Amino acid sequence: MAGDGASTLLALEERAVVAYQVDKRSEHVLDLGLYSNRLWDGAVGPVDDAPQTSDNATNLEEVETSATSGSGEVQELRGQLAALIDIVAQQTEAARRQEARMKRLEDLLLQQAAASRETQAPTLPAPVVDVAPRAPSPAPSSSRAAPAAAPQEEAIAAPPVQRPPVEAAFPTLVEGAERDRLMERLNEFRRCSPRTFDGEKVDHWIVEKWLMHMEKLFRDTFVEKRDRVWLATHHLDGEAYRWWLDLQENPSTDLAAITWKRFKELLLAHYFTTSVKRKIEKDLRNLRQGDRTVAEYEREFSRLLHCVPFVVRDDEDKARIFERGLRPSIFRFVQCSNLQTYREVVDRALIVESGAAGVQERRGAMDKVS
């Protein structure tokens, strides 16, 4: 009897110890569950979870050491705790990835803002990152939970920076409303009957007259500078139009950079060769008034000088060249005045010419009387 009582007492003590250990393990399980929920809701940061997890793992090892290895209840609890630890680790890693994505997004927004300030482009909307909703924490099961697949990081691409369009001097490709505007402008310009330049007669004076005619129409019809080349090239024909096509097909030609001024330079350079320029320069320096009036002499002088403006250094040099070509009877009176500007020389020559004409008229009248 005494032996049976002692055996019963030992069995009761062993049950009490196991029950105590089970209660302690239940407390640890509850603590880990609360901790995982807090981590999921953002109450616990991703940086501070490592020490807590380590402590829980240490307590778990102590409980497992003290528990009876052959107990089925202990094995079940051990599996549940291991599953919870895996879940906590996965949630911690997901939180870290989310934080890294937000950091990259912030950097991209800063880069976009800097690029917008440099180009003075309109502010662009911030890119939206789709973040999938988080699934609820799975309940612990009797079997060991399989580790969840790591969420794939989403690629965040910065939106392209919009730059203000650069207005081209020559429209190379137009469509829509701009095309309609240009066609309407062309039809309106054609109603003025502009001249066509065919380039058949290689004479720089013909080129000059055509360019002057086009510029007059541009002023009369209020043509904008950006449309002048486009309208003028629609009135090229024959060899002149072939020259324009060859210029467009040349890979080194930047059509967007061809302004009206540049177009005139290219056209004159094609028909106004160096030999022609030298001949005109010689004609200008040898030009004399002769039997022409001062007004006629000035017109011829200006026409030649327009083709070779590089001949004169400044306005005073221009006045001296014009002065030397005057008729000797006018030149003597103009030179003694020592005038410095071209306009003053022309005006004085006109006055001298007018006075000489008056004197001649009076002499003629006196001769008739006598």
Protein backbone atom coordinates (compact mmCIF):
# COMPACT_ATOMS: atom_id res chain seq x y z
CA MET A 1 0.00 0.00 0.00
CA ALA A 2 2.78 2.40 0.93
CA GLY A 3 4.46 1.71 -2.44
CA ASP A 4 1.24 2.37 -4.36
CA GLY A 5 0.71 5.69 -2.54
CA ALA A 6 4.23 6.83 -3.32
CA SER A 7 3.76 5.99 -7.00
CA THR A 8 0.49 7.90 -7.11
CA LEU A 9 2.10 10.92 -5.46
CA LEU A 10 4.97 10.96 -7.97
CA ALA A 11 2.52 10.76 -10.88
CA LEU A 12 0.54 13.74 -9.53
CA GLU A 13 3.71 15.81 -9.12
CA GLU A 14 4.78 15.00 -12.67
CA ARG A 15 1.36 16.09 -14.01
CA ALA A 16 1.58 19.33 -12.05
CA VAL A 17 4.98 20.12 -13.55
CA VAL A 18 3.77 19.42 -17.09
CA ALA A 19 0.64 21.55 -16.56
CA TYR A 20 2.80 24.42 -15.27
CA GLN A 21 5.04 24.18 -18.30
CA VAL A 22 2.06 24.08 -20.65
CA ASP A 23 0.67 27.24 -19.03
CA LYS A 24 4.03 29.02 -19.52
CA ARG A 25 4.18 27.93 -23.16
CA SER A 26 0.64 29.23 -23.72
CA GLU A 27 1.72 32.62 -22.36
CA HIS A 28 4.65 32.67 -24.81
CA VAL A 29 2.36 31.74 -27.69
CA LEU A 30 -0.03 34.54 -26.75
CA ASP A 31 2.83 37.05 -26.52
CA LEU A 32 4.13 36.05 -29.96
CA GLY A 33 0.64 36.32 -31.49
CA LEU A 34 0.12 39.82 -30.03
CA TYR A 35 3.58 40.84 -31.22
CA SER A 36 2.91 39.67 -34.78
CA ASN A 37 -0.41 41.58 -34.89
CA ARG A 38 1.26 44.75 -33.64
CA LEU A 39 4.02 44.37 -36.22
CA TRP A 40 1.47 43.88 -38.98
CA ASP A 41 -0.45 47.07 -37.97
CA GLY A 42 2.75 49.15 -37.95
CA ALA A 43 2.98 49.51 -34.19
CA VAL A 44 6.40 47.82 -34.09
CA GLY A 45 9.21 49.09 -36.35
CA PRO A 46 11.23 46.73 -38.53
CA VAL A 47 14.47 47.63 -36.82
CA ASP A 48 13.45 46.75 -33.18
CA ASP A 49 11.96 43.31 -33.79
CA ALA A 50 15.22 41.32 -33.80
CA PRO A 51 15.87 41.48 -30.03
CA GLN A 52 12.25 40.59 -29.19
CA THR A 53 12.29 37.62 -31.55
CA SER A 54 15.57 36.47 -30.12
CA ASP A 55 14.17 36.59 -26.56
CA ASN A 56 11.10 34.65 -27.59
CA ALA A 57 13.26 32.04 -29.27
CA THR A 58 15.39 31.73 -26.11
CA ASN A 59 12.31 31.25 -23.93
CA LEU A 60 11.03 28.69 -26.39
CA GLU A 61 14.25 26.71 -26.18
CA GLU A 62 14.07 26.73 -22.38
CA VAL A 63 10.52 25.47 -22.47
CA GLU A 64 11.38 22.79 -25.01
CA THR A 65 14.32 21.62 -22.89
CA SER A 66 12.23 21.30 -19.77
CA ALA A 67 9.33 19.57 -21.52
CA THR A 68 9.09 15.88 -21.92
CA SER A 69 10.30 14.86 -25.36
CA GLY A 70 7.83 12.06 -25.69
CA SER A 71 4.70 14.18 -25.00
CA GLY A 72 2.41 14.65 -28.04
CA GLU A 73 1.03 17.92 -26.70
CA VAL A 74 4.53 19.37 -26.46
CA GLN A 75 5.32 18.35 -30.06
CA GLU A 76 2.16 20.07 -31.26
CA LEU A 77 3.01 23.28 -29.40
CA ARG A 78 6.53 23.22 -30.77
CA GLY A 79 5.17 23.07 -34.33
CA GLN A 80 2.79 25.99 -33.72
CA LEU A 81 5.55 28.13 -32.22
CA ALA A 82 7.87 27.41 -35.14
CA ALA A 83 5.12 28.44 -37.58
CA LEU A 84 4.56 31.70 -35.68
CA ILE A 85 8.27 32.48 -35.75
CA ASP A 86 8.34 31.98 -39.53
CA ILE A 87 5.33 34.27 -39.97
CA VAL A 88 6.90 37.01 -37.85
CA ALA A 89 10.16 36.77 -39.82
CA GLN A 90 8.29 37.00 -43.15
CA GLN A 91 6.29 40.02 -42.00
CA THR A 92 9.45 41.73 -40.79
CA GLU A 93 11.16 41.18 -44.13
CA ALA A 94 8.09 42.47 -46.00
CA ALA A 95 8.09 45.62 -43.86
CA ARG A 96 11.75 46.22 -44.65
CA ARG A 97 11.10 45.84 -48.38
CA GLN A 98 8.20 48.27 -48.17
CA GLU A 99 10.40 50.80 -46.41
CA ALA A 100 13.08 50.42 -49.12
CA ARG A 101 10.47 50.97 -51.86
CA MET A 102 9.23 54.13 -50.20
CA LYS A 103 12.81 55.40 -49.92
CA ARG A 104 13.39 54.82 -53.65
CA LEU A 105 10.11 56.53 -54.46
CA GLU A 106 11.15 59.57 -52.43
CA ASP A 107 14.49 59.76 -54.28
CA LEU A 108 12.73 59.58 -57.65
CA LEU A 109 10.37 62.39 -56.67
CA LEU A 110 13.31 64.57 -55.65
CA GLN A 111 15.08 63.89 -58.97
CA GLN A 112 11.92 64.70 -60.88
CA ALA A 113 11.45 67.98 -59.01
CA ALA A 114 15.06 68.99 -59.73
CA ALA A 115 14.69 68.20 -63.45
CA SER A 116 11.44 70.18 -63.59
CA ARG A 117 13.11 73.23 -62.08
CA GLU A 118 15.99 73.05 -64.58
CA THR A 119 13.77 72.85 -67.65
CA GLN A 120 11.02 75.07 -66.21
CA ALA A 121 8.53 72.46 -67.27
CA PRO A 122 5.04 72.20 -65.72
CA THR A 123 4.89 70.23 -62.50
CA LEU A 124 4.19 66.59 -63.23
CA PRO A 125 1.96 64.42 -61.05
CA ALA A 126 3.80 62.10 -58.71
CA PRO A 127 3.92 58.48 -59.85
CA VAL A 128 1.49 56.17 -58.08
CA VAL A 129 2.84 52.91 -56.71
CA ASP A 130 0.33 50.08 -56.44
CA VAL A 131 0.76 48.27 -53.15
CA ALA A 132 -1.27 45.08 -52.78
CA PRO A 133 -3.42 44.89 -49.61
CA ARG A 134 -1.94 42.76 -46.85
CA ALA A 135 -3.57 39.45 -46.13
CA PRO A 136 -4.60 38.66 -42.52
CA SER A 137 -2.17 36.65 -40.43
CA PRO A 138 -2.83 32.90 -40.84
CA ALA A 139 -3.98 31.03 -37.79
CA PRO A 140 -1.50 28.53 -36.33
CA SER A 141 -2.15 24.95 -37.35
CA SER A 142 -1.05 21.66 -35.95
CA SER A 143 1.31 21.10 -38.90
CA ARG A 144 4.42 23.19 -39.54
CA ALA A 145 3.51 26.10 -41.86
CA ALA A 146 5.38 26.37 -45.14
CA PRO A 147 7.38 29.61 -45.50
CA ALA A 148 5.53 32.15 -47.64
CA ALA A 149 7.08 33.30 -50.90
CA ALA A 150 8.88 36.61 -50.62
CA PRO A 151 6.86 39.42 -52.25
CA GLN A 152 8.36 40.54 -55.54
CA GLU A 153 9.58 44.11 -55.46
CA GLU A 154 7.73 46.40 -57.82
CA ALA A 155 9.80 48.36 -60.33
CA ILE A 156 9.26 52.08 -59.92
CA ALA A 157 10.08 54.05 -63.06
CA ALA A 158 10.39 57.82 -63.06
CA PRO A 159 8.02 59.53 -65.51
CA PRO A 160 9.73 61.22 -68.48
CA VAL A 161 10.52 64.88 -68.03
CA GLN A 162 8.53 67.01 -70.44
CA ARG A 163 10.59 69.75 -72.12
CA PRO A 164 9.11 72.83 -73.72
CA PRO A 165 8.93 72.46 -77.50
CA VAL A 166 11.41 74.46 -79.52
CA GLU A 167 9.85 76.44 -82.35
CA ALA A 168 11.52 75.55 -85.64
CA ALA A 169 12.31 78.22 -88.20
CA PHE A 170 11.21 75.84 -91.01
CA PRO A 171 8.31 73.41 -90.35
CA THR A 172 9.63 69.95 -91.21
CA LEU A 173 6.64 67.86 -90.09
CA VAL A 174 3.26 69.35 -89.24
CA GLU A 175 -0.18 67.89 -88.72
CA GLY A 176 -3.55 68.76 -87.33
CA ALA A 177 -4.32 72.39 -86.54
CA GLU A 178 -0.82 73.61 -87.48
CA ARG A 179 -1.13 72.05 -90.94
CA ASP A 180 -4.50 73.73 -91.46
CA ARG A 181 -3.04 77.07 -90.39
CA LEU A 182 -0.12 76.82 -92.84
CA MET A 183 -2.34 75.84 -95.75
CA GLU A 184 -4.70 78.72 -95.05
CA ARG A 185 -1.72 81.08 -94.86
CA LEU A 186 -0.37 79.77 -98.18
CA ASN A 187 -3.70 80.26 -99.95
CA GLU A 188 -3.96 83.78 -98.58
CA PHE A 189 -0.40 84.56 -99.70
CA ARG A 190 -1.02 83.24 -103.22
CA ARG A 191 -3.88 85.69 -103.68
CA CYS A 192 -1.20 88.43 -103.77
CA SER A 193 0.27 86.84 -106.95
CA PRO A 194 3.86 86.43 -105.74
CA ARG A 195 6.56 86.01 -108.37
CA THR A 196 8.16 82.63 -109.04
CA PHE A 197 11.92 82.24 -109.24
CA ASP A 198 13.08 79.45 -111.55
CA GLY A 199 16.85 80.02 -111.46
CA GLU A 200 17.16 79.51 -115.22
CA LYS A 201 19.00 82.80 -115.79
CA VAL A 202 21.99 82.83 -113.46
CA ASP A 203 21.97 86.53 -112.68
CA HIS A 204 22.44 87.72 -109.14
CA TRP A 205 20.35 90.82 -109.87
CA ILE A 206 17.37 88.63 -110.66
CA VAL A 207 17.85 86.84 -107.33
CA GLU A 208 18.08 90.20 -105.55
CA LYS A 209 14.90 91.47 -107.20
CA TRP A 210 13.00 88.27 -106.32
CA LEU A 211 14.12 88.42 -102.67
CA MET A 212 13.14 92.10 -102.43
CA HIS A 213 9.76 91.30 -103.98
CA MET A 214 9.13 88.51 -101.45
CA GLU A 215 10.14 90.70 -98.51
CA LYS A 216 7.76 93.42 -99.68
CA LEU A 217 4.90 90.91 -99.78
CA PHE A 218 5.86 89.62 -96.33
CA ARG A 219 5.58 93.13 -94.91
CA ASP A 220 2.37 93.95 -96.77
CA THR A 221 0.60 90.75 -95.68
CA PHE A 222 2.05 90.66 -92.13
CA VAL A 223 3.73 87.28 -92.58
CA GLU A 224 5.40 86.02 -89.41
CA LYS A 225 9.11 85.24 -89.51
CA ARG A 226 8.54 81.54 -88.85
CA ASP A 227 6.41 81.22 -92.04
CA ARG A 228 8.60 83.16 -94.48
CA VAL A 229 10.91 80.35 -95.63
CA TRP A 230 7.99 77.95 -96.00
CA LEU A 231 6.03 80.42 -98.15
CA ALA A 232 9.02 81.49 -100.25
CA THR A 233 10.08 77.94 -101.13
CA HIS A 234 6.58 77.29 -102.48
CA HIS A 235 7.41 79.84 -105.18
CA LEU A 236 10.63 78.25 -106.40
CA ASP A 237 10.56 76.44 -109.72
CA GLY A 238 12.89 74.72 -112.16
CA GLU A 239 16.57 74.79 -111.25
CA ALA A 240 15.89 76.86 -108.15
CA TYR A 241 13.49 74.26 -106.80
CA ARG A 242 16.00 71.48 -107.60
CA TRP A 243 18.58 73.39 -105.56
CA TRP A 244 16.15 73.53 -102.64
CA LEU A 245 15.42 69.79 -102.84
CA ASP A 246 19.14 68.98 -102.88
CA LEU A 247 19.60 71.18 -99.84
CA GLN A 248 16.85 69.36 -97.94
CA GLU A 249 18.22 65.93 -98.82
CA ASN A 250 21.71 66.84 -97.65
CA PRO A 251 22.28 65.03 -94.29
CA SER A 252 24.29 67.97 -92.97
CA THR A 253 21.41 70.42 -93.48
CA ASP A 254 19.52 71.40 -90.34
CA LEU A 255 16.17 72.50 -91.74
CA ALA A 256 14.90 73.64 -88.34
CA ALA A 257 17.74 76.20 -88.19
CA ILE A 258 17.06 77.79 -91.60
CA THR A 259 15.60 81.21 -90.87
CA TRP A 260 14.67 83.71 -93.57
CA LYS A 261 18.02 85.45 -93.15
CA ARG A 262 19.88 82.15 -93.49
CA PHE A 263 17.78 81.20 -96.53
CA LYS A 264 18.78 84.43 -98.30
CA GLU A 265 22.43 83.78 -97.53
CA LEU A 266 22.25 80.25 -98.97
CA LEU A 267 20.41 81.35 -102.10
CA LEU A 268 22.78 84.24 -102.80
CA ALA A 269 25.81 82.06 -102.13
CA HIS A 270 24.55 79.61 -104.77
CA TYR A 271 23.88 82.21 -107.49
CA PHE A 272 26.21 84.96 -106.33
CA THR A 273 29.67 83.43 -106.73
CA THR A 274 32.97 84.87 -105.56
CA SER A 275 33.96 85.96 -109.05
CA VAL A 276 30.72 87.91 -109.38
CA LYS A 277 31.32 89.58 -106.04
CA ARG A 278 34.78 90.69 -107.08
CA LYS A 279 33.42 92.15 -110.31
CA ILE A 280 30.75 94.11 -108.45
CA GLU A 281 33.32 95.36 -105.95
CA LYS A 282 35.44 96.65 -108.83
CA ASP A 283 32.38 98.28 -110.44
CA LEU A 284 31.55 100.02 -107.17
CA ARG A 285 35.01 101.48 -106.67
CA ASN A 286 35.14 102.67 -110.31
CA LEU A 287 31.58 104.03 -110.34
CA ARG A 288 31.32 107.68 -111.52
CA GLN A 289 28.36 110.03 -111.72
CA GLY A 290 28.97 111.05 -115.33
CA ASP A 291 25.85 112.45 -116.97
CA ARG A 292 23.52 111.07 -114.32
CA THR A 293 21.86 113.18 -111.69
CA VAL A 294 22.96 112.86 -108.06
CA ALA A 295 19.78 110.90 -107.26
CA GLU A 296 20.42 108.43 -110.10
CA TYR A 297 24.06 108.09 -109.10
CA GLU A 298 23.05 107.40 -105.48
CA ARG A 299 20.61 104.66 -106.53
CA GLU A 300 23.25 102.85 -108.57
CA PHE A 301 25.78 103.25 -105.75
CA SER A 302 23.35 101.77 -103.19
CA ARG A 303 22.45 98.88 -105.50
CA LEU A 304 26.06 97.82 -105.93
CA LEU A 305 26.90 98.33 -102.27
CA HIS A 306 23.98 96.14 -101.23
CA CYS A 307 25.64 93.18 -102.97
CA VAL A 308 29.11 93.79 -101.51
CA PRO A 309 28.59 95.50 -98.14
CA PHE A 310 32.00 94.29 -96.97
CA VAL A 311 33.68 96.87 -99.24
CA VAL A 312 33.10 99.75 -96.79
CA ARG A 313 34.52 99.74 -93.26
CA ASP A 314 32.09 102.26 -91.75
CA ASP A 315 29.77 105.12 -92.64
CA GLU A 316 32.61 107.60 -93.14
CA ASP A 317 34.38 105.25 -95.56
CA LYS A 318 31.09 104.88 -97.43
CA ALA A 319 30.83 108.69 -97.69
CA ARG A 320 34.38 108.98 -99.08
CA ILE A 321 33.77 106.35 -101.80
CA PHE A 322 30.53 108.07 -102.85
CA GLU A 323 32.19 111.49 -102.78
CA ARG A 324 35.02 110.45 -105.12
CA GLY A 325 32.52 109.38 -107.78
CA LEU A 326 30.77 112.75 -107.99
CA ARG A 327 31.15 115.00 -111.02
CA PRO A 328 34.18 117.30 -110.62
CA SER A 329 32.01 120.44 -110.55
CA ILE A 330 30.04 119.04 -107.60
CA PHE A 331 32.96 117.22 -105.97
CA ARG A 332 34.89 120.52 -105.38
CA PHE A 333 32.08 122.07 -103.33
CA VAL A 334 31.30 118.90 -101.37
CA GLN A 335 34.89 118.06 -100.48
CA CYS A 336 35.69 121.50 -99.06
CA SER A 337 32.86 121.05 -96.53
CA ASN A 338 34.73 118.10 -94.94
CA LEU A 339 31.54 116.19 -94.13
CA GLN A 340 31.77 112.96 -92.05
CA THR A 341 28.59 110.99 -92.77
CA TYR A 342 27.20 109.49 -95.95
CA ARG A 343 23.85 111.23 -95.61
CA GLU A 344 25.48 114.64 -95.23
CA VAL A 345 27.56 114.10 -98.39
CA VAL A 346 24.48 113.08 -100.41
CA ASP A 347 22.44 116.05 -99.19
CA ARG A 348 25.24 118.53 -99.93
CA ALA A 349 25.69 117.08 -103.42
CA LEU A 350 21.96 117.52 -104.09
CA ILE A 351 22.12 121.14 -102.91
CA VAL A 352 25.17 121.90 -105.05
CA GLU A 353 23.50 120.28 -108.04
CA SER A 354 20.34 122.29 -107.49
CA GLY A 355 22.32 125.53 -107.13
CA ALA A 356 24.33 124.86 -110.23
CA ALA A 357 21.13 124.24 -112.15
CA GLY A 358 19.71 127.55 -110.94
CA VAL A 359 22.83 129.43 -111.96
CA GLN A 360 22.70 127.85 -115.38
CA GLU A 361 19.08 128.86 -115.82
CA ARG A 362 19.82 132.46 -114.92
CA ARG A 363 22.73 132.54 -117.34
CA GLY A 364 20.51 131.21 -120.08
CA ALA A 365 17.92 133.86 -119.36
CA MET A 366 20.53 136.62 -119.45
CA ASP A 367 21.89 135.36 -122.74
CA LYS A 368 18.41 135.55 -124.26
CA VAL A 369 17.94 139.13 -123.05
CA SER A 370 21.27 140.28 -124.40
